[in-house]
N, C-alpha and C. Protein backbone atom coordinates (compact mmCIF):
# COMPACT_ATOMS: atom_id res chain seq x y z
N MET A 1 13.93 -87.58 -73.45
CA MET A 1 12.92 -88.37 -72.77
C MET A 1 12.71 -87.80 -71.36
N ASP A 2 11.47 -87.55 -71.00
CA ASP A 2 11.15 -86.96 -69.71
C ASP A 2 10.78 -88.05 -68.71
N GLU A 3 11.77 -88.54 -68.01
CA GLU A 3 11.54 -89.56 -66.99
C GLU A 3 10.99 -88.89 -65.74
N LYS A 4 10.06 -89.56 -65.07
CA LYS A 4 9.55 -89.04 -63.80
C LYS A 4 9.40 -90.19 -62.82
N LEU A 5 9.42 -89.83 -61.56
CA LEU A 5 9.21 -90.76 -60.47
C LEU A 5 7.85 -90.47 -59.87
N VAL A 6 7.03 -91.50 -59.70
CA VAL A 6 5.74 -91.35 -59.05
C VAL A 6 5.82 -92.04 -57.69
N ILE A 7 5.52 -91.29 -56.63
CA ILE A 7 5.50 -91.82 -55.27
C ILE A 7 4.05 -91.97 -54.86
N ARG A 8 3.66 -93.18 -54.50
CA ARG A 8 2.26 -93.47 -54.16
C ARG A 8 2.17 -93.94 -52.72
N LEU A 9 1.28 -93.31 -51.96
CA LEU A 9 1.04 -93.72 -50.59
C LEU A 9 0.30 -95.04 -50.59
N ASN A 10 0.73 -95.98 -49.76
CA ASN A 10 0.13 -97.32 -49.73
C ASN A 10 -1.11 -97.35 -48.86
N ASP A 11 -2.13 -96.63 -49.29
CA ASP A 11 -3.45 -96.70 -48.65
C ASP A 11 -4.50 -96.39 -49.71
N ALA A 12 -5.71 -96.25 -49.32
CA ALA A 12 -6.80 -96.05 -50.28
C ALA A 12 -6.99 -94.59 -50.67
N SER A 13 -6.11 -93.69 -50.21
CA SER A 13 -6.31 -92.26 -50.47
C SER A 13 -6.08 -91.87 -51.92
N GLY A 14 -5.28 -92.64 -52.64
CA GLY A 14 -4.97 -92.29 -54.02
C GLY A 14 -4.05 -91.09 -54.16
N GLN A 15 -3.36 -90.73 -53.09
CA GLN A 15 -2.44 -89.59 -53.14
C GLN A 15 -1.13 -89.99 -53.80
N ASP A 16 -0.78 -89.28 -54.84
CA ASP A 16 0.48 -89.51 -55.54
C ASP A 16 1.28 -88.21 -55.57
N VAL A 17 2.60 -88.35 -55.64
CA VAL A 17 3.48 -87.22 -55.88
C VAL A 17 4.29 -87.57 -57.12
N GLU A 18 4.25 -86.69 -58.13
CA GLU A 18 5.03 -86.90 -59.34
C GLU A 18 6.24 -85.98 -59.32
N ILE A 19 7.41 -86.55 -59.60
CA ILE A 19 8.66 -85.81 -59.52
C ILE A 19 9.39 -85.93 -60.86
N PRO A 20 9.59 -84.82 -61.55
CA PRO A 20 10.37 -84.87 -62.79
C PRO A 20 11.84 -85.14 -62.46
N LEU A 21 12.47 -86.00 -63.24
CA LEU A 21 13.86 -86.38 -62.94
C LEU A 21 14.86 -85.69 -63.87
N ALA A 22 14.39 -85.10 -64.96
CA ALA A 22 15.30 -84.43 -65.89
C ALA A 22 15.85 -83.16 -65.26
N GLY A 23 17.13 -82.92 -65.47
CA GLY A 23 17.73 -81.66 -65.05
C GLY A 23 18.08 -81.54 -63.59
N THR A 24 18.06 -82.61 -62.84
CA THR A 24 18.45 -82.52 -61.43
C THR A 24 19.29 -83.74 -61.05
N ASP A 25 20.14 -83.55 -60.04
CA ASP A 25 20.95 -84.66 -59.55
C ASP A 25 20.32 -85.34 -58.36
N GLY A 26 19.29 -84.72 -57.75
CA GLY A 26 18.67 -85.37 -56.61
C GLY A 26 17.64 -84.52 -55.91
N TYR A 27 16.94 -85.17 -54.99
CA TYR A 27 15.90 -84.54 -54.18
C TYR A 27 16.00 -85.06 -52.75
N VAL A 28 15.83 -84.18 -51.77
CA VAL A 28 15.78 -84.59 -50.37
C VAL A 28 14.32 -84.86 -50.01
N LEU A 29 14.06 -86.03 -49.40
CA LEU A 29 12.73 -86.38 -48.90
C LEU A 29 12.69 -86.13 -47.40
N GLY A 30 11.58 -85.63 -46.94
CA GLY A 30 11.43 -85.38 -45.51
C GLY A 30 10.09 -84.75 -45.24
N ARG A 31 10.05 -83.97 -44.16
CA ARG A 31 8.78 -83.34 -43.79
C ARG A 31 9.06 -81.95 -43.23
N SER A 32 8.13 -81.07 -43.47
CA SER A 32 8.17 -79.76 -42.85
C SER A 32 7.37 -79.85 -41.55
N ASP A 33 7.59 -78.89 -40.67
CA ASP A 33 6.75 -78.79 -39.48
C ASP A 33 6.81 -77.36 -38.96
N SER A 34 5.92 -77.04 -38.05
CA SER A 34 5.79 -75.67 -37.56
C SER A 34 6.96 -75.20 -36.71
N ARG A 35 7.80 -76.12 -36.24
CA ARG A 35 8.92 -75.74 -35.38
C ARG A 35 10.21 -75.46 -36.14
N SER A 36 10.16 -75.57 -37.47
CA SER A 36 11.37 -75.38 -38.25
C SER A 36 11.04 -74.67 -39.56
N SER A 37 11.98 -73.89 -40.04
CA SER A 37 11.78 -73.22 -41.33
C SER A 37 12.23 -74.10 -42.49
N TYR A 38 12.84 -75.25 -42.19
CA TYR A 38 13.35 -76.14 -43.25
C TYR A 38 12.20 -76.79 -44.01
N ILE A 39 12.29 -76.75 -45.34
CA ILE A 39 11.32 -77.45 -46.19
C ILE A 39 12.11 -78.31 -47.16
N PRO A 40 11.92 -79.65 -47.13
CA PRO A 40 12.65 -80.54 -48.03
C PRO A 40 12.15 -80.39 -49.47
N ASP A 41 12.92 -80.89 -50.42
CA ASP A 41 12.51 -80.86 -51.82
C ASP A 41 11.19 -81.60 -52.02
N ILE A 42 11.04 -82.74 -51.37
CA ILE A 42 9.81 -83.52 -51.42
C ILE A 42 9.27 -83.56 -50.00
N ASP A 43 8.25 -82.75 -49.75
CA ASP A 43 7.68 -82.60 -48.41
C ASP A 43 6.53 -83.60 -48.23
N LEU A 44 6.73 -84.56 -47.34
CA LEU A 44 5.75 -85.62 -47.10
C LEU A 44 4.85 -85.33 -45.91
N ALA A 45 4.82 -84.08 -45.45
CA ALA A 45 4.02 -83.72 -44.28
C ALA A 45 2.55 -84.07 -44.46
N HIS A 46 2.01 -83.90 -45.67
CA HIS A 46 0.59 -84.20 -45.91
C HIS A 46 0.29 -85.70 -45.91
N PHE A 47 1.32 -86.53 -45.84
CA PHE A 47 1.15 -87.99 -45.71
C PHE A 47 1.23 -88.43 -44.25
N LYS A 48 1.02 -87.50 -43.31
CA LYS A 48 1.14 -87.75 -41.87
C LYS A 48 2.54 -88.22 -41.50
N ALA A 49 3.53 -87.60 -42.12
CA ALA A 49 4.92 -88.01 -41.96
C ALA A 49 5.42 -87.85 -40.53
N LEU A 50 5.01 -86.79 -39.85
CA LEU A 50 5.46 -86.59 -38.47
C LEU A 50 5.02 -87.75 -37.59
N GLU A 51 3.75 -88.14 -37.69
CA GLU A 51 3.21 -89.24 -36.88
C GLU A 51 3.84 -90.59 -37.24
N LYS A 52 4.34 -90.69 -38.47
CA LYS A 52 4.91 -91.96 -38.93
C LYS A 52 6.43 -92.03 -38.79
N GLY A 53 7.02 -91.02 -38.15
CA GLY A 53 8.45 -91.08 -37.84
C GLY A 53 9.38 -90.65 -38.96
N VAL A 54 8.92 -89.80 -39.86
CA VAL A 54 9.77 -89.30 -40.94
C VAL A 54 10.54 -88.09 -40.43
N SER A 55 11.85 -88.09 -40.64
CA SER A 55 12.70 -86.97 -40.23
C SER A 55 12.54 -85.80 -41.19
N ARG A 56 12.97 -84.61 -40.74
CA ARG A 56 12.91 -83.44 -41.63
C ARG A 56 13.77 -83.66 -42.87
N ARG A 57 14.97 -84.19 -42.69
CA ARG A 57 15.87 -84.58 -43.79
C ARG A 57 16.07 -86.09 -43.65
N HIS A 58 15.19 -86.87 -44.24
CA HIS A 58 15.17 -88.31 -43.98
C HIS A 58 16.04 -89.10 -44.98
N ALA A 59 15.81 -88.86 -46.26
CA ALA A 59 16.51 -89.62 -47.30
C ALA A 59 16.62 -88.73 -48.54
N ALA A 60 17.36 -89.21 -49.53
CA ALA A 60 17.49 -88.45 -50.77
C ALA A 60 17.47 -89.40 -51.96
N PHE A 61 16.81 -88.94 -53.02
CA PHE A 61 16.94 -89.60 -54.32
C PHE A 61 18.12 -88.94 -55.00
N VAL A 62 19.06 -89.75 -55.51
CA VAL A 62 20.25 -89.21 -56.17
C VAL A 62 20.53 -90.00 -57.44
N ARG A 63 21.15 -89.32 -58.40
CA ARG A 63 21.66 -89.99 -59.60
C ARG A 63 23.03 -90.52 -59.26
N TYR A 64 23.23 -91.81 -59.51
CA TYR A 64 24.52 -92.44 -59.24
C TYR A 64 24.76 -93.44 -60.37
N GLN A 65 25.85 -93.26 -61.10
CA GLN A 65 26.16 -94.10 -62.25
C GLN A 65 24.97 -94.18 -63.22
N GLN A 66 24.38 -93.02 -63.50
CA GLN A 66 23.28 -92.84 -64.45
C GLN A 66 21.96 -93.51 -64.05
N LYS A 67 21.86 -93.99 -62.83
CA LYS A 67 20.63 -94.64 -62.34
C LYS A 67 20.13 -93.90 -61.11
N LEU A 68 18.82 -94.01 -60.85
CA LEU A 68 18.24 -93.38 -59.67
C LEU A 68 18.45 -94.28 -58.44
N HIS A 69 18.93 -93.67 -57.36
CA HIS A 69 19.20 -94.38 -56.11
C HIS A 69 18.53 -93.65 -54.94
N ILE A 70 18.35 -94.37 -53.85
CA ILE A 70 17.88 -93.79 -52.59
C ILE A 70 19.04 -93.85 -51.61
N LEU A 71 19.15 -92.82 -50.80
CA LEU A 71 20.25 -92.70 -49.85
C LEU A 71 19.65 -92.28 -48.51
N ASP A 72 19.85 -93.06 -47.47
CA ASP A 72 19.40 -92.68 -46.13
C ASP A 72 20.32 -91.59 -45.60
N LEU A 73 19.72 -90.53 -45.05
CA LEU A 73 20.50 -89.40 -44.53
C LEU A 73 20.64 -89.48 -43.01
N SER A 74 21.03 -90.67 -42.52
CA SER A 74 21.20 -90.91 -41.08
C SER A 74 19.92 -90.60 -40.31
N SER A 75 18.79 -91.02 -40.85
CA SER A 75 17.49 -90.78 -40.22
C SER A 75 17.37 -91.57 -38.93
N VAL A 76 16.60 -91.04 -38.00
CA VAL A 76 16.42 -91.69 -36.70
C VAL A 76 15.66 -93.01 -36.83
N ASN A 77 14.57 -93.00 -37.60
CA ASN A 77 13.71 -94.19 -37.69
C ASN A 77 13.96 -95.07 -38.90
N GLY A 78 14.98 -94.75 -39.69
CA GLY A 78 15.42 -95.63 -40.76
C GLY A 78 14.70 -95.45 -42.08
N THR A 79 15.43 -95.86 -43.13
CA THR A 79 14.91 -95.92 -44.49
C THR A 79 14.98 -97.38 -44.91
N PHE A 80 13.90 -97.88 -45.49
CA PHE A 80 13.78 -99.28 -45.85
C PHE A 80 13.45 -99.40 -47.33
N LEU A 81 14.15 -100.29 -48.03
CA LEU A 81 13.86 -100.57 -49.43
C LEU A 81 13.43 -102.02 -49.52
N ASN A 82 12.16 -102.22 -49.90
CA ASN A 82 11.59 -103.56 -49.97
C ASN A 82 11.77 -104.33 -48.66
N GLY A 83 11.59 -103.62 -47.54
CA GLY A 83 11.63 -104.24 -46.22
C GLY A 83 13.00 -104.33 -45.58
N LYS A 84 14.05 -103.99 -46.31
CA LYS A 84 15.41 -104.09 -45.77
C LYS A 84 15.90 -102.70 -45.36
N ARG A 85 16.36 -102.57 -44.10
CA ARG A 85 16.86 -101.28 -43.62
C ARG A 85 18.17 -100.95 -44.32
N LEU A 86 18.27 -99.71 -44.79
CA LEU A 86 19.46 -99.26 -45.51
C LEU A 86 20.46 -98.66 -44.55
N LYS A 87 21.73 -98.89 -44.84
CA LYS A 87 22.79 -98.24 -44.08
C LYS A 87 22.85 -96.78 -44.51
N PRO A 88 23.09 -95.86 -43.57
CA PRO A 88 23.17 -94.44 -43.91
C PRO A 88 24.28 -94.16 -44.94
N ASP A 89 24.00 -93.22 -45.83
CA ASP A 89 24.97 -92.70 -46.80
C ASP A 89 25.46 -93.72 -47.82
N VAL A 90 24.73 -94.82 -48.01
CA VAL A 90 25.08 -95.82 -49.02
C VAL A 90 23.96 -95.83 -50.07
N PRO A 91 24.28 -95.51 -51.36
CA PRO A 91 23.23 -95.46 -52.37
C PRO A 91 22.72 -96.87 -52.73
N HIS A 92 21.40 -96.97 -52.89
CA HIS A 92 20.75 -98.23 -53.30
C HIS A 92 19.88 -97.93 -54.51
N MET A 93 20.06 -98.70 -55.59
CA MET A 93 19.33 -98.45 -56.83
C MET A 93 17.83 -98.67 -56.65
N ILE A 94 17.05 -97.79 -57.27
CA ILE A 94 15.58 -97.84 -57.24
C ILE A 94 15.08 -98.50 -58.52
N ASN A 95 14.10 -99.37 -58.37
CA ASN A 95 13.42 -99.97 -59.51
C ASN A 95 11.93 -99.68 -59.41
N SER A 96 11.27 -99.63 -60.53
CA SER A 96 9.84 -99.41 -60.54
C SER A 96 9.15 -100.53 -59.77
N GLY A 97 8.22 -100.17 -58.90
CA GLY A 97 7.50 -101.15 -58.08
C GLY A 97 8.10 -101.36 -56.70
N ASP A 98 9.27 -100.75 -56.45
CA ASP A 98 9.90 -100.90 -55.14
C ASP A 98 9.03 -100.28 -54.04
N GLN A 99 9.12 -100.86 -52.85
CA GLN A 99 8.46 -100.32 -51.66
C GLN A 99 9.52 -99.56 -50.87
N LEU A 100 9.22 -98.29 -50.59
CA LEU A 100 10.13 -97.45 -49.83
C LEU A 100 9.50 -97.14 -48.49
N GLY A 101 10.21 -97.45 -47.41
CA GLY A 101 9.75 -97.14 -46.07
C GLY A 101 10.59 -96.03 -45.47
N LEU A 102 9.91 -95.00 -44.98
CA LEU A 102 10.57 -93.92 -44.25
C LEU A 102 9.96 -93.94 -42.87
N GLY A 103 10.67 -94.50 -41.89
CA GLY A 103 10.04 -94.76 -40.60
C GLY A 103 8.90 -95.73 -40.83
N ASP A 104 7.68 -95.36 -40.42
CA ASP A 104 6.50 -96.21 -40.63
C ASP A 104 5.67 -95.80 -41.84
N LEU A 105 6.16 -94.86 -42.62
CA LEU A 105 5.47 -94.43 -43.84
C LEU A 105 5.94 -95.31 -45.00
N VAL A 106 5.03 -96.04 -45.63
CA VAL A 106 5.39 -96.94 -46.72
C VAL A 106 4.82 -96.39 -48.03
N LEU A 107 5.70 -96.29 -49.01
CA LEU A 107 5.37 -95.73 -50.31
C LEU A 107 5.75 -96.70 -51.42
N THR A 108 5.05 -96.65 -52.53
CA THR A 108 5.41 -97.43 -53.71
C THR A 108 5.98 -96.48 -54.75
N LEU A 109 7.10 -96.89 -55.35
CA LEU A 109 7.78 -96.06 -56.34
C LEU A 109 7.56 -96.60 -57.75
N SER A 110 7.29 -95.71 -58.67
CA SER A 110 7.14 -96.08 -60.08
C SER A 110 7.98 -95.12 -60.91
N LEU A 111 8.81 -95.68 -61.77
CA LEU A 111 9.57 -94.88 -62.72
C LEU A 111 8.81 -94.90 -64.04
N GLU A 112 8.51 -93.73 -64.56
CA GLU A 112 7.73 -93.63 -65.80
C GLU A 112 8.50 -92.80 -66.82
N HIS A 113 8.34 -93.17 -68.08
CA HIS A 113 9.02 -92.45 -69.17
C HIS A 113 7.99 -91.69 -69.98
């Protein structure tokens, strides 16, 4: 079964990012910028991530106990799941329909099979 995660920007742009989940243990979310050569696995720069306070290495999707989780990577502006700020380095299970906040960038997550 090819499970994928769809990340949707919460505005009228209709911009989605589809991420295949098979064959990987995780993905780093963040943003690229002209001052660094670092590029995260999921680059949110085109979502105006810099202006919205997203760190270069902000959070990570990880497999934990066979379920998909989000993990804050000690980001400056915080990672929020359904409005609640997450403690750094503590995995929190993701469910379809969850709202993920990275700084001021708010995304909707959908797990699809």
